N, C-alpha and C. Protein backbone atom coordinates (compact mmCIF):
# COMPACT_ATOMS: atom_id res chain seq x y z
N MET A 1 -6.91 16.85 1.96
CA MET A 1 -7.96 16.87 2.99
C MET A 1 -7.57 14.71 3.73
N ILE A 2 -8.65 14.72 4.70
CA ILE A 2 -8.16 13.67 5.61
C ILE A 2 -10.01 13.15 5.24
N HIS A 3 -10.14 11.75 4.77
CA HIS A 3 -11.06 10.93 4.84
C HIS A 3 -10.79 10.27 6.28
N GLU A 4 -12.34 9.74 6.07
CA GLU A 4 -12.28 8.79 6.96
C GLU A 4 -13.74 7.42 6.86
N PHE A 5 -13.25 6.54 6.89
CA PHE A 5 -14.42 5.20 6.32
C PHE A 5 -14.54 4.73 7.91
N ARG A 6 -15.80 4.38 7.93
CA ARG A 6 -16.02 3.23 9.07
C ARG A 6 -17.15 2.23 9.04
N LYS A 7 -17.14 0.89 9.80
CA LYS A 7 -17.76 -0.09 9.35
C LYS A 7 -17.22 -0.86 11.24
N PRO A 8 -18.55 -1.41 11.48
CA PRO A 8 -18.26 -2.17 12.74
C PRO A 8 -16.55 -2.27 13.62
N GLY A 9 -16.60 -1.52 14.19
CA GLY A 9 -14.85 -2.37 15.09
C GLY A 9 -13.95 -2.19 14.03
N TYR A 10 -14.22 -1.08 12.89
CA TYR A 10 -13.06 -0.82 12.38
C TYR A 10 -13.20 0.56 11.55
N VAL A 11 -11.76 1.36 11.33
CA VAL A 11 -11.82 2.79 10.24
C VAL A 11 -10.54 2.95 9.55
N ILE A 12 -10.57 2.84 8.92
CA ILE A 12 -10.07 3.37 7.55
C ILE A 12 -9.91 4.63 7.65
N SER A 13 -8.85 5.22 7.55
CA SER A 13 -8.61 7.09 7.54
C SER A 13 -7.45 7.19 7.19
N THR A 14 -6.91 8.14 5.99
CA THR A 14 -5.97 9.27 5.01
C THR A 14 -5.29 9.79 6.47
N ASN A 15 -5.74 10.01 7.80
CA ASN A 15 -4.99 10.95 8.22
C ASN A 15 -3.13 10.23 8.51
N LYS A 16 -2.05 11.20 8.53
CA LYS A 16 -0.58 9.88 8.09
C LYS A 16 -0.67 10.25 10.03
N GLU A 17 -1.17 11.11 10.72
CA GLU A 17 -0.72 11.17 12.30
C GLU A 17 -0.97 9.96 12.58
N LEU A 18 -1.61 9.18 12.15
CA LEU A 18 -2.41 8.00 12.57
C LEU A 18 -1.62 6.73 12.51
N LEU A 19 -0.75 6.80 11.43
CA LEU A 19 0.04 5.46 11.15
C LEU A 19 0.97 5.33 12.23
N GLN A 20 1.22 4.02 12.11
CA GLN A 20 1.91 3.23 13.37
C GLN A 20 3.17 2.60 12.40
N PHE A 21 3.99 3.65 12.34
CA PHE A 21 5.30 2.45 11.48
C PHE A 21 5.55 1.78 12.23
N ASP A 22 5.97 1.19 13.36
CA ASP A 22 6.23 0.57 13.60
C ASP A 22 5.75 -1.06 13.40
N VAL A 23 4.34 -0.91 12.91
CA VAL A 23 3.72 -2.17 12.58
C VAL A 23 3.58 -2.17 10.67
N ILE A 24 3.26 -0.96 10.70
CA ILE A 24 4.10 -1.32 8.86
C ILE A 24 5.03 -1.39 8.34
N HIS A 25 6.08 -0.75 8.88
CA HIS A 25 7.69 -1.40 9.02
C HIS A 25 7.47 -2.83 9.24
N ASN A 26 6.93 -3.31 10.27
CA ASN A 26 7.63 -4.90 10.37
C ASN A 26 6.61 -5.59 9.78
N PHE A 27 5.46 -5.01 8.53
CA PHE A 27 4.50 -6.27 7.77
C PHE A 27 5.98 -5.67 6.54
N LEU A 28 6.25 -4.84 6.38
CA LEU A 28 6.88 -4.53 4.94
C LEU A 28 8.54 -5.53 5.15
N LYS A 29 9.07 -5.33 6.03
CA LYS A 29 10.49 -5.47 5.52
C LYS A 29 10.70 -6.92 6.02
N ILE A 30 8.94 -7.63 6.04
CA ILE A 30 9.74 -9.01 5.74
C ILE A 30 8.62 -9.73 4.36
N SER A 31 8.44 -8.48 3.62
CA SER A 31 7.37 -9.40 2.59
C SER A 31 8.06 -9.30 1.61
N TYR A 32 7.26 -10.14 0.17
CA TYR A 32 7.79 -10.75 -0.77
C TYR A 32 8.66 -9.25 -1.49
N TRP A 33 8.10 -8.12 -1.38
CA TRP A 33 8.27 -7.09 -2.55
C TRP A 33 9.18 -5.96 -2.18
N SER A 34 9.42 -6.01 -0.33
CA SER A 34 9.78 -4.94 0.13
C SER A 34 10.75 -5.17 1.33
N PRO A 35 11.64 -6.46 0.91
CA PRO A 35 12.57 -7.71 2.13
C PRO A 35 13.84 -6.83 2.48
N ALA A 36 13.50 -6.23 3.82
CA ALA A 36 14.47 -5.43 4.76
C ALA A 36 14.48 -3.77 4.25
N ILE A 37 13.59 -3.65 4.03
CA ILE A 37 12.70 -2.31 3.83
C ILE A 37 13.79 -1.69 4.59
N PRO A 38 14.15 -0.31 4.94
CA PRO A 38 14.51 0.19 6.72
C PRO A 38 13.27 1.55 6.42
N MET A 39 13.35 1.42 7.54
CA MET A 39 12.27 2.21 8.58
C MET A 39 12.37 3.70 7.55
N ASP A 40 13.03 4.54 7.54
CA ASP A 40 13.71 5.61 6.84
C ASP A 40 12.31 5.42 5.57
N ILE A 41 12.54 4.89 5.12
CA ILE A 41 11.82 4.54 3.62
C ILE A 41 10.61 4.40 3.65
N VAL A 42 10.56 3.67 4.35
CA VAL A 42 9.15 3.35 4.69
C VAL A 42 8.14 5.00 5.09
N LYS A 43 8.89 5.39 5.86
CA LYS A 43 8.46 7.10 6.50
C LYS A 43 8.04 7.92 4.83
N ARG A 44 9.36 7.85 4.25
CA ARG A 44 9.37 9.17 3.11
C ARG A 44 8.85 8.32 1.66
N ALA A 45 8.21 6.90 1.84
CA ALA A 45 7.36 6.43 1.14
C ALA A 45 5.43 7.40 1.65
N ALA A 46 5.79 7.30 2.85
CA ALA A 46 3.83 7.69 3.69
C ALA A 46 4.00 9.03 3.27
N GLU A 47 5.22 9.90 3.59
CA GLU A 47 5.11 11.40 3.25
C GLU A 47 4.68 11.50 2.07
N GLY A 48 5.32 10.58 0.52
CA GLY A 48 4.81 10.99 -1.28
C GLY A 48 3.92 10.50 -0.95
N SER A 49 3.12 9.61 -0.11
CA SER A 49 1.94 9.12 -0.49
C SER A 49 0.08 9.78 0.44
N ILE A 50 -0.74 9.37 -0.27
CA ILE A 50 -2.24 9.20 -0.29
C ILE A 50 -1.72 7.86 0.51
N THR A 51 -1.99 8.20 2.17
CA THR A 51 -2.20 6.28 2.55
C THR A 51 -3.47 6.40 3.19
N PHE A 52 -2.98 5.08 3.73
CA PHE A 52 -4.76 4.60 3.99
C PHE A 52 -4.28 3.13 5.29
N GLY A 53 -4.82 4.13 6.48
CA GLY A 53 -4.73 2.61 7.22
C GLY A 53 -5.44 2.72 7.88
N ILE A 54 -5.58 1.08 8.21
CA ILE A 54 -6.67 0.56 8.93
C ILE A 54 -6.60 0.42 10.64
N TYR A 55 -8.06 0.02 10.82
CA TYR A 55 -7.74 0.33 12.82
C TYR A 55 -9.11 -0.19 13.24
N LYS A 56 -8.25 -0.66 14.29
CA LYS A 56 -9.90 -1.28 14.99
C LYS A 56 -9.93 -0.19 16.18
N GLU A 57 -11.03 0.02 16.29
CA GLU A 57 -11.62 0.60 17.27
C GLU A 57 -11.21 1.27 18.09
N SER A 58 -10.22 0.18 18.77
CA SER A 58 -9.20 0.66 19.58
C SER A 58 -8.04 1.08 19.16
N GLY A 59 -8.05 1.69 17.85
CA GLY A 59 -7.10 2.39 18.15
C GLY A 59 -5.72 1.61 16.58
N GLU A 60 -5.87 0.31 17.19
CA GLU A 60 -4.13 -0.72 16.43
C GLU A 60 -4.23 -0.58 15.08
N GLN A 61 -3.78 0.00 14.84
CA GLN A 61 -3.38 -0.64 13.36
C GLN A 61 -3.52 -1.63 12.80
N VAL A 62 -3.71 -2.41 11.80
CA VAL A 62 -4.19 -3.30 11.51
C VAL A 62 -4.03 -3.76 9.71
N GLY A 63 -3.88 -2.74 9.23
CA GLY A 63 -3.56 -2.92 7.39
C GLY A 63 -2.93 -1.68 7.43
N TYR A 64 -2.70 -1.19 5.42
CA TYR A 64 -2.50 -0.62 5.09
C TYR A 64 -2.11 -0.19 3.69
N ALA A 65 -2.22 0.86 2.70
CA ALA A 65 -1.71 0.69 1.53
C ALA A 65 -1.61 2.51 1.74
N ARG A 66 -1.06 2.38 0.27
CA ARG A 66 -0.74 3.75 -0.54
C ARG A 66 -0.67 3.76 -1.51
N VAL A 67 -0.99 5.13 -2.16
CA VAL A 67 -1.35 5.67 -3.62
C VAL A 67 -0.48 6.63 -4.07
N VAL A 68 0.13 5.73 -4.97
CA VAL A 68 1.10 7.57 -5.36
C VAL A 68 0.40 7.44 -6.79
N SER A 69 0.67 9.50 -6.59
CA SER A 69 -0.66 9.97 -6.95
C SER A 69 -0.36 11.38 -7.90
N ASP A 70 -0.82 11.85 -8.82
CA ASP A 70 -0.51 13.11 -9.26
C ASP A 70 -2.05 13.69 -9.18
N CYS A 71 -3.14 12.59 -8.82
CA CYS A 71 -4.27 12.92 -8.39
C CYS A 71 -4.77 13.61 -9.75
N ALA A 72 -4.74 13.86 -11.28
CA ALA A 72 -5.16 13.89 -12.10
C ALA A 72 -5.22 13.36 -13.31
N THR A 73 -4.04 12.63 -13.37
CA THR A 73 -3.79 11.24 -14.50
C THR A 73 -3.38 10.08 -14.31
N PHE A 74 -2.55 9.67 -12.82
CA PHE A 74 -2.35 8.24 -12.98
C PHE A 74 -2.32 8.00 -11.20
N ALA A 75 -2.33 7.17 -10.84
CA ALA A 75 -2.50 6.40 -9.63
C ALA A 75 -1.18 4.79 -9.90
N TYR A 76 -0.33 4.86 -8.31
CA TYR A 76 0.22 3.60 -8.69
C TYR A 76 -0.22 3.13 -7.43
N LEU A 77 -0.88 1.65 -6.58
CA LEU A 77 -1.06 1.39 -5.28
C LEU A 77 -0.16 0.01 -5.20
N ALA A 78 0.36 0.26 -3.78
CA ALA A 78 1.54 0.40 -3.64
C ALA A 78 1.49 -0.27 -1.92
N ASP A 79 2.03 -1.17 -1.80
CA ASP A 79 2.14 -1.46 0.08
C ASP A 79 0.90 -2.01 0.54
N VAL A 80 0.10 -2.97 -0.18
CA VAL A 80 -1.21 -2.93 0.34
C VAL A 80 -1.34 -4.10 1.58
N PHE A 81 -1.37 -3.89 2.82
CA PHE A 81 -1.46 -5.48 3.44
C PHE A 81 -2.75 -5.38 4.76
N VAL A 82 -2.94 -6.29 5.05
CA VAL A 82 -4.14 -6.58 6.14
C VAL A 82 -3.25 -7.96 7.04
N LEU A 83 -3.32 -7.48 8.61
CA LEU A 83 -2.41 -8.48 9.12
C LEU A 83 -3.36 -9.59 9.26
N ASP A 84 -2.65 -10.69 9.24
CA ASP A 84 -3.11 -12.22 9.67
C ASP A 84 -3.76 -12.31 10.28
N SER A 85 -3.74 -11.37 11.39
CA SER A 85 -5.63 -12.06 12.74
C SER A 85 -6.44 -10.74 12.24
N GLU A 86 -6.59 -10.47 11.07
CA GLU A 86 -7.49 -9.78 10.83
C GLU A 86 -8.14 -10.22 8.90
N ARG A 87 -7.34 -11.12 8.68
CA ARG A 87 -7.62 -11.25 7.89
C ARG A 87 -8.99 -12.12 7.55
N GLY A 88 -9.79 -12.24 6.40
CA GLY A 88 -11.21 -13.57 6.19
C GLY A 88 -11.63 -12.26 7.00
N GLN A 89 -12.17 -11.40 7.10
CA GLN A 89 -13.21 -10.26 7.88
C GLN A 89 -13.55 -9.28 6.32
N GLY A 90 -13.55 -9.46 5.61
CA GLY A 90 -13.60 -8.51 4.55
C GLY A 90 -13.04 -7.40 4.14
N LEU A 91 -11.36 -6.66 4.84
CA LEU A 91 -11.22 -5.85 5.44
C LEU A 91 -10.26 -5.70 4.22
N SER A 92 -9.88 -6.60 3.28
CA SER A 92 -9.49 -5.57 1.66
C SER A 92 -10.10 -5.27 0.44
N LYS A 93 -11.10 -5.86 0.56
CA LYS A 93 -12.41 -6.02 -0.56
C LYS A 93 -12.69 -4.46 0.30
N TRP A 94 -12.87 -3.93 1.91
CA TRP A 94 -13.36 -3.00 2.32
C TRP A 94 -12.81 -1.38 1.76
N LEU A 95 -10.66 -2.27 1.72
CA LEU A 95 -10.01 -0.99 1.54
C LEU A 95 -9.88 -0.24 0.33
N MET A 96 -10.33 -0.92 -0.64
CA MET A 96 -9.67 -1.24 -1.76
C MET A 96 -11.23 -0.56 -2.43
N HIS A 97 -12.73 -0.66 -2.22
CA HIS A 97 -13.41 0.29 -1.75
C HIS A 97 -13.16 1.46 -1.47
N CYS A 98 -12.74 1.59 -0.36
CA CYS A 98 -12.49 3.13 0.05
C CYS A 98 -11.59 4.11 -0.69
N ILE A 99 -10.24 3.44 -1.14
CA ILE A 99 -9.54 4.04 -1.69
C ILE A 99 -9.78 4.47 -3.76
N LEU A 100 -10.56 3.68 -3.71
CA LEU A 100 -10.95 4.35 -5.03
C LEU A 100 -12.42 4.88 -5.66
N GLN A 101 -12.71 5.14 -3.70
CA GLN A 101 -14.19 5.88 -4.20
C GLN A 101 -13.50 7.95 -3.53
N LEU A 102 -12.11 7.61 -3.28
CA LEU A 102 -12.20 8.95 -2.63
C LEU A 102 -11.45 9.88 -3.90
N PRO A 103 -12.52 10.96 -3.23
CA PRO A 103 -12.48 12.24 -4.20
C PRO A 103 -11.47 12.57 -5.56
N GLU A 104 -10.38 12.64 -4.63
CA GLU A 104 -9.17 12.97 -5.20
C GLU A 104 -8.46 12.02 -6.41
N LEU A 105 -9.11 10.88 -6.16
CA LEU A 105 -8.55 9.67 -7.42
C LEU A 105 -9.66 9.18 -8.34
N GLN A 106 -10.51 10.16 -8.70
CA GLN A 106 -11.88 9.73 -9.84
C GLN A 106 -11.12 10.90 -10.98
N ASN A 107 -11.44 9.63 -11.78
CA ASN A 107 -11.60 10.43 -13.37
C ASN A 107 -9.81 9.92 -13.80
N LEU A 108 -9.36 9.01 -12.79
CA LEU A 108 -8.04 9.11 -13.66
C LEU A 108 -7.93 8.30 -14.79
N ARG A 109 -6.95 8.51 -15.17
CA ARG A 109 -6.42 7.59 -16.91
C ARG A 109 -6.26 5.99 -16.84
N ARG A 110 -5.16 5.97 -15.63
CA ARG A 110 -4.66 4.41 -15.69
C ARG A 110 -4.22 4.56 -14.08
N TRP A 111 -4.70 3.24 -13.63
CA TRP A 111 -3.72 3.31 -11.77
C TRP A 111 -3.25 1.78 -13.01
N SER A 112 -2.36 1.55 -11.58
CA SER A 112 -1.73 0.17 -11.94
C SER A 112 -1.11 -0.50 -10.33
N LEU A 113 -0.81 -1.34 -10.35
CA LEU A 113 -0.34 -1.70 -8.90
C LEU A 113 0.68 -2.93 -10.15
N ALA A 114 1.68 -4.11 -8.96
CA ALA A 114 2.37 -5.24 -8.81
C ALA A 114 2.08 -6.06 -8.03
N THR A 115 1.23 -7.17 -7.90
CA THR A 115 1.53 -8.30 -6.83
C THR A 115 1.82 -9.81 -7.87
N ARG A 116 1.89 -10.31 -6.46
CA ARG A 116 2.71 -11.61 -6.91
C ARG A 116 1.11 -12.95 -6.52
N ASP A 117 0.20 -12.11 -5.99
CA ASP A 117 -0.79 -13.14 -5.63
C ASP A 117 -2.26 -13.30 -5.16
N ALA A 118 -2.58 -11.98 -5.45
CA ALA A 118 -3.80 -10.97 -4.96
C ALA A 118 -4.41 -10.93 -6.34
N HIS A 119 -4.77 -11.28 -7.31
CA HIS A 119 -4.62 -11.17 -8.87
C HIS A 119 -6.73 -11.07 -8.18
N GLY A 120 -7.27 -12.44 -7.54
CA GLY A 120 -8.38 -12.45 -7.62
C GLY A 120 -9.01 -11.20 -7.03
N LEU A 121 -8.51 -10.19 -5.49
CA LEU A 121 -8.77 -9.26 -5.19
C LEU A 121 -9.04 -7.91 -6.34
N TYR A 122 -7.98 -7.84 -6.34
CA TYR A 122 -7.67 -6.60 -7.49
C TYR A 122 -8.61 -7.09 -8.53
N ALA A 123 -8.65 -7.65 -9.81
CA ALA A 123 -9.97 -8.11 -10.81
C ALA A 123 -11.20 -7.69 -10.06
N GLN A 124 -11.51 -7.46 -9.03
CA GLN A 124 -13.25 -7.73 -8.04
C GLN A 124 -13.28 -6.13 -8.62
N PHE A 125 -12.07 -5.39 -8.80
CA PHE A 125 -12.13 -3.46 -8.98
C PHE A 125 -11.35 -3.30 -10.13
N GLY A 126 -11.52 -4.05 -11.01
CA GLY A 126 -11.54 -3.67 -12.49
C GLY A 126 -9.49 -3.59 -13.04
N PHE A 127 -8.86 -3.98 -12.24
CA PHE A 127 -8.15 -4.07 -12.82
C PHE A 127 -7.47 -5.60 -12.91
N VAL A 128 -6.30 -5.63 -14.48
CA VAL A 128 -6.49 -6.58 -15.56
C VAL A 128 -4.89 -6.18 -15.77
N PRO A 129 -4.76 -7.37 -15.72
CA PRO A 129 -3.37 -7.58 -16.74
C PRO A 129 -3.42 -6.21 -17.45
N LEU A 130 -1.91 -5.46 -17.80
CA LEU A 130 -1.14 -5.06 -19.00
C LEU A 130 -2.19 -5.70 -20.62
N ASP A 131 -2.80 -4.48 -21.34
CA ASP A 131 -2.92 -5.42 -22.11
C ASP A 131 -2.18 -4.69 -23.76
N LYS A 132 -1.42 -3.81 -23.41
CA LYS A 132 -0.54 -3.46 -24.00
C LYS A 132 1.38 -3.83 -23.81
N PRO A 133 1.91 -4.48 -23.15
CA PRO A 133 2.89 -4.66 -22.24
C PRO A 133 4.33 -4.42 -22.88
N GLU A 134 4.26 -4.51 -24.03
CA GLU A 134 4.98 -4.46 -25.10
C GLU A 134 5.29 -2.82 -24.97
N ILE A 135 4.14 -1.61 -24.36
CA ILE A 135 4.90 -0.45 -24.88
C ILE A 135 5.13 0.20 -22.55
N MET A 136 5.24 -0.04 -21.99
CA MET A 136 5.29 -0.40 -20.72
C MET A 136 6.90 -1.34 -20.48
N MET A 137 7.57 0.14 -19.60
CA MET A 137 8.96 0.20 -19.68
C MET A 137 9.27 0.15 -17.79
N GLN A 138 10.09 -0.58 -18.07
CA GLN A 138 10.54 -0.01 -16.06
C GLN A 138 12.14 -0.40 -15.63
N ILE A 139 12.13 0.23 -14.52
CA ILE A 139 13.35 0.05 -13.48
C ILE A 139 13.00 -1.21 -12.39
N ALA A 140 13.47 -2.63 -12.45
CA ALA A 140 13.08 -3.04 -11.37
C ALA A 140 14.09 -3.72 -10.93
N ARG A 141 14.06 -3.16 -9.37
CA ARG A 141 16.14 -3.66 -8.64
C ARG A 141 15.29 -4.04 -7.20
N PRO A 142 14.16 -5.02 -7.56
CA PRO A 142 14.04 -5.91 -6.65
C PRO A 142 14.75 -6.11 -5.04
N ASP A 143 15.80 -6.28 -5.00
CA ASP A 143 16.33 -6.59 -3.38
C ASP A 143 17.24 -5.21 -3.33
N ILE A 144 17.52 -4.33 -3.76
CA ILE A 144 17.64 -3.53 -3.46
C ILE A 144 17.72 -3.10 -1.89
N TYR A 145 16.96 -3.09 -1.07
CA TYR A 145 17.20 -3.02 0.35
C TYR A 145 17.85 -4.42 1.05
N LEU A 146 17.68 -5.33 0.27
CA LEU A 146 18.78 -6.47 1.01
C LEU A 146 19.79 -6.07 0.64
N GLU A 147 20.47 -5.49 -0.41
CA GLU A 147 22.15 -4.94 -1.04
C GLU A 147 22.14 -3.52 -0.14
N MET A 148 20.89 -2.84 0.04
CA MET A 148 21.28 -1.46 1.46
C MET A 148 21.58 -1.76 2.57
N GLN A 149 21.41 -3.08 2.89
CA GLN A 149 21.48 -3.48 4.13
C GLN A 149 22.78 -4.80 4.30
N ALA A 150 23.31 -5.53 2.88
CA ALA A 150 24.77 -6.25 3.34
C ALA A 150 25.94 -4.79 2.56
N ASN A 151 25.59 -3.97 1.80
CA ASN A 151 26.25 -2.32 2.40
C ASN A 151 26.22 -2.10 3.67
N THR A 152 25.40 -1.85 3.97
CA THR A 152 26.07 -1.78 6.11
C THR A 152 26.71 -2.18 6.54
N GLU A 153 25.99 -3.85 6.37
CA GLU A 153 26.53 -4.56 7.81
C GLU A 153 28.46 -4.78 7.48
N ASN A 154 28.29 -4.72 6.10
CA ASN A 154 30.48 -4.28 5.62
C ASN A 154 30.78 -2.73 6.12
N LYS A 155 30.21 -2.63 6.23
CA LYS A 155 30.40 -1.09 6.05
C LYS A 155 31.38 -1.05 7.73
N GLN A 156 30.83 -2.21 8.92
CA GLN A 156 30.49 -2.49 10.54
C GLN A 156 31.64 -2.65 10.45
């Protein structure tokens, strides 16, 4: 199901057909969390997620987020951004409000995310540090895209 949320000058939509992958890729490939991410991975990640694009009324994409979820018990919030040119207008807060009110994402047992610098934003919506980090485990490969890029360059 496609959802749309409107406020003066902007729309947030879960319609994947509206996504502007050049905008998304250009931001993510230089972000601290996914440096050098290939375009095909950005597209595959979107295919397997509930996506949220923020658009100006003109149709220009200015923000993005995606949620990986089974829509029953768990959700992982990822790749949240608003372009620098649009910051300071409350779009991040509005985006979070829209994500958390989506009918498919209600009554989940656990939400998670990773952030280096936006704790204040997420805390406003109920996110807190792990209460029992000792029960959580991970496989973390933060430089995987840089390694992939280096391997591709070495083969050429």
